Protein backbone atom coordinates (compact mmCIF):
# COMPACT_ATOMS: atom_id res chain seq x y z
CA MET A 1 8.01 52.14 -36.06
CA ALA A 2 9.22 55.73 -35.90
CA ARG A 3 8.79 58.44 -38.50
CA PHE A 4 10.48 61.83 -38.03
CA ILE A 5 10.76 64.90 -40.25
CA THR A 6 12.12 68.40 -39.99
CA GLY A 7 9.22 70.76 -40.46
CA ASP A 8 7.38 73.86 -39.32
CA LEU A 9 4.04 73.12 -37.74
CA THR A 10 2.88 76.70 -38.37
CA LYS A 11 3.37 76.14 -42.12
CA GLY A 12 1.20 73.01 -42.37
CA ASP A 13 4.09 70.53 -42.47
CA LEU A 14 2.18 68.07 -40.26
CA ALA A 15 0.32 67.03 -43.42
CA ILE A 16 3.62 65.75 -44.84
CA LEU A 17 4.41 63.83 -41.66
CA MET A 18 0.97 62.31 -41.17
CA GLU A 19 0.24 61.35 -44.82
CA GLY A 20 -3.52 61.46 -44.24
CA LYS A 21 -3.38 59.51 -40.96
CA LYS A 22 -4.67 60.58 -37.56
CA ALA A 23 -2.96 60.19 -34.21
CA ASP A 24 -4.44 57.89 -31.58
CA VAL A 25 -2.56 59.85 -28.89
CA ILE A 26 -0.82 63.22 -29.08
CA TYR A 27 1.90 63.99 -26.54
CA SER A 28 3.82 67.23 -26.93
CA ASP A 29 5.87 69.80 -25.08
CA PRO A 30 5.62 72.95 -27.25
CA PRO A 31 7.65 76.13 -26.57
CA TRP A 32 6.43 77.75 -23.35
CA ASP A 33 6.78 81.49 -24.00
CA ASP A 34 7.81 84.20 -26.47
CA ALA A 35 11.50 83.71 -25.68
CA TRP A 36 11.36 79.98 -26.46
CA VAL A 37 9.41 80.51 -29.69
CA SER A 38 12.10 83.00 -30.75
CA ILE A 39 14.99 80.74 -29.68
CA PHE A 40 13.64 77.64 -31.46
CA ARG A 41 12.93 79.53 -34.68
CA LYS A 42 16.36 81.25 -34.67
CA ARG A 43 18.15 77.93 -34.04
CA ALA A 44 16.36 76.49 -37.03
CA GLY A 45 17.25 79.52 -39.19
CA LYS A 46 13.60 80.49 -39.59
CA GLU A 47 12.22 83.99 -39.68
CA LEU A 48 9.94 84.98 -36.81
CA GLU A 49 7.31 86.52 -39.08
CA GLY A 50 5.63 88.27 -36.15
CA GLN A 51 5.07 85.11 -34.13
CA ASN A 52 4.75 85.26 -30.39
CA ILE A 53 3.58 82.58 -27.96
CA GLN A 54 -0.11 83.31 -28.55
CA THR A 55 0.06 83.12 -32.36
CA PHE A 56 2.29 80.05 -32.12
CA LEU A 57 -0.10 78.26 -29.73
CA GLU A 58 -3.08 79.19 -31.91
CA SER A 59 -1.37 77.60 -34.94
CA PHE A 60 -0.26 74.65 -32.81
CA VAL A 61 -3.79 73.89 -31.57
CA VAL A 62 -5.38 74.34 -35.03
CA GLU A 63 -2.90 71.84 -36.49
CA LEU A 64 -3.26 69.37 -33.60
CA LYS A 65 -7.03 69.34 -33.99
CA LYS A 66 -6.68 68.23 -37.65
CA TYR A 67 -4.72 65.12 -36.68
CA ALA A 68 -6.18 64.18 -33.27
CA LYS A 69 -8.25 61.02 -33.13
CA GLY A 70 -7.93 60.34 -29.40
CA ILE A 71 -6.42 61.75 -26.24
CA VAL A 72 -4.09 64.75 -26.22
CA TYR A 73 -1.36 65.39 -23.61
CA LEU A 74 0.36 68.77 -23.59
CA GLU A 75 3.07 70.08 -21.28
CA MET A 76 3.25 73.80 -20.50
CA GLY A 77 5.03 76.01 -18.00
CA MET A 78 3.16 77.96 -15.35
CA LYS A 79 3.47 81.29 -17.17
CA ASN A 80 1.23 80.34 -20.13
CA ILE A 81 -0.84 77.34 -19.02
CA ASN A 82 -4.00 79.43 -18.80
CA LEU A 83 -3.39 80.87 -22.28
CA LEU A 84 -3.02 77.33 -23.65
CA ARG A 85 -6.17 76.17 -21.82
CA THR A 86 -8.16 79.11 -23.23
CA ILE A 87 -6.96 78.46 -26.79
CA LEU A 88 -7.75 74.74 -26.48
CA LYS A 89 -11.24 75.50 -25.15
CA ASN A 90 -11.87 78.06 -27.91
CA HIS A 91 -11.08 75.34 -30.46
CA GLY A 92 -13.48 72.83 -28.93
CA ALA A 93 -11.09 70.80 -26.77
CA VAL A 94 -12.44 69.24 -23.59
CA GLU A 95 -10.14 69.15 -20.58
CA LEU A 96 -10.16 65.93 -18.56
CA ASN A 97 -7.18 66.42 -16.27
CA LEU A 98 -4.57 69.02 -15.39
CA TRP A 99 -1.57 67.90 -13.34
CA LYS A 100 1.01 70.18 -11.76
CA TYR A 101 4.65 69.11 -11.34
CA PRO A 102 7.50 71.01 -9.63
CA LEU A 103 10.10 72.30 -12.06
CA GLY A 104 13.03 74.35 -10.77
CA LYS A 105 11.58 77.28 -8.83
CA GLY A 106 8.20 76.99 -10.53
CA TYR A 107 5.81 74.45 -11.95
CA GLN A 108 5.12 72.60 -15.14
CA TYR A 109 1.67 71.37 -16.11
CA LEU A 110 0.48 68.35 -18.03
CA TRP A 111 -2.90 68.90 -19.72
CA ARG A 112 -4.98 65.89 -20.79
CA GLY A 113 -8.07 66.19 -22.94
CA TYR A 114 -9.58 65.58 -26.36
CA PHE A 115 -11.10 67.22 -29.44
CA ASN A 116 -13.21 64.25 -30.57
CA PRO A 117 -15.82 62.67 -28.30
CA GLY A 118 -15.01 59.22 -27.00
CA ASN A 119 -15.08 57.12 -23.87
CA TYR A 120 -12.07 58.59 -22.07
CA PRO A 121 -11.65 57.82 -18.38
CA ILE A 122 -10.69 60.42 -15.80
CA VAL A 123 -7.20 59.39 -14.67
CA ASN A 124 -5.74 60.03 -11.24
CA PRO A 125 -2.25 61.52 -10.96
CA VAL A 126 0.60 59.07 -11.14
CA PHE A 127 3.50 59.35 -8.77
CA ALA A 128 6.83 57.95 -9.95
CA TYR A 129 10.51 58.54 -9.44
CA THR A 130 10.84 60.60 -12.61
CA GLU A 131 8.54 62.88 -14.54
CA LYS A 132 9.27 60.84 -17.69
CA GLU A 133 8.14 57.62 -15.99
CA ALA A 134 5.01 59.30 -14.62
CA HIS A 135 4.06 60.51 -18.09
CA ALA A 136 4.68 57.07 -19.62
CA ARG A 137 2.36 55.51 -17.03
CA LEU A 138 -0.32 58.11 -17.76
CA VAL A 139 -0.14 57.64 -21.53
CA LYS A 140 -0.34 53.86 -21.05
CA ASN A 141 -3.94 54.40 -19.86
CA ASP A 142 -4.83 55.80 -23.28
CA ALA A 143 -2.39 53.84 -25.46
CA VAL A 144 -3.58 52.08 -28.58
CA PRO A 145 -1.08 49.24 -29.21
CA GLY A 146 0.26 49.62 -32.74
CA GLY A 147 -1.43 53.03 -33.02
CA ILE A 148 0.20 56.39 -33.66
CA LEU A 149 1.57 58.69 -30.96
CA LEU A 150 2.24 62.12 -32.49
CA ASP A 151 4.56 64.86 -31.22
CA PRO A 152 4.84 67.87 -33.55
CA CYS A 153 7.57 69.42 -31.32
CA ILE A 154 9.54 66.22 -30.68
CA GLY A 155 12.85 67.81 -29.75
CA ILE A 156 14.99 65.24 -27.94
CA GLY A 157 12.40 62.49 -28.26
CA ARG A 158 10.53 62.12 -24.96
CA ALA A 159 7.41 61.15 -26.93
CA TYR A 160 9.39 58.49 -28.79
CA ASP A 161 10.54 56.99 -25.47
CA ILE A 162 6.95 56.98 -24.20
CA ALA A 163 5.58 55.47 -27.45
CA LYS A 164 8.16 52.70 -27.25
CA LYS A 165 7.19 51.91 -23.63
CA VAL A 166 3.48 51.69 -24.44
CA GLY A 167 3.75 49.83 -27.77
CA MET A 168 2.83 52.63 -30.15
CA ASP A 169 4.42 53.96 -33.33
CA CYS A 170 5.86 57.46 -32.98
CA TYR A 171 5.46 60.23 -35.55
CA GLY A 172 7.50 63.29 -34.71
CA MET A 173 8.43 66.62 -36.20
CA ASP A 174 10.68 69.43 -35.10
CA ILE A 175 11.68 72.75 -36.62
CA SER A 176 15.33 71.91 -35.86
CA LYS A 177 17.06 69.66 -38.39
CA VAL A 178 19.85 69.05 -35.85
CA LYS A 179 17.39 67.70 -33.25
CA ILE A 180 15.78 65.36 -35.78
CA GLU A 181 19.21 64.09 -36.87
CA LYS A 182 20.31 63.51 -33.25
CA LEU A 183 17.05 61.75 -32.40
CA SER A 184 17.27 59.54 -35.50
CA LYS A 185 20.84 58.54 -34.59
CA ARG A 186 19.88 57.89 -30.96
CA ILE A 187 17.14 55.42 -31.79
CA LYS A 188 19.08 53.38 -34.38
């Protein structure tokens, strides 16, 4: 099952998407810096309202924590990975793994951790032909068949593809109505 809505995570719209449920796994690739926060909000016709990457990530983490039942995977570029890690730690998240992947002339990181205590194994890096395949193999370690995989910044639907591979339902939200429409058409 897949459930997608257009919404603004900084305005509490995850409550509408989740309908009182919690996510067994969260996998998301939020905007990486001030420029991306601005671009995504402008594309969606939303006012910036003084948001920068730090205020966005603060809101993002606060909202994630409300709906996290199990493991959380977050992608972030090299410029703001330490900011994200600090915000996560300040909100009680425990880091289990941090993987570094080449991306263009720099690096991208995949953070794995949790807000709620549980029996989560340390997982070794997975090498695969594509980043998407590597991430699907990682998430499979924490997958709950029939459970919910949440991505509040679903964009083109990488989390949906991963959820499908590991037998989970996907709940996704994006600020862009166009992206949600394209994703909904793609999966039909």
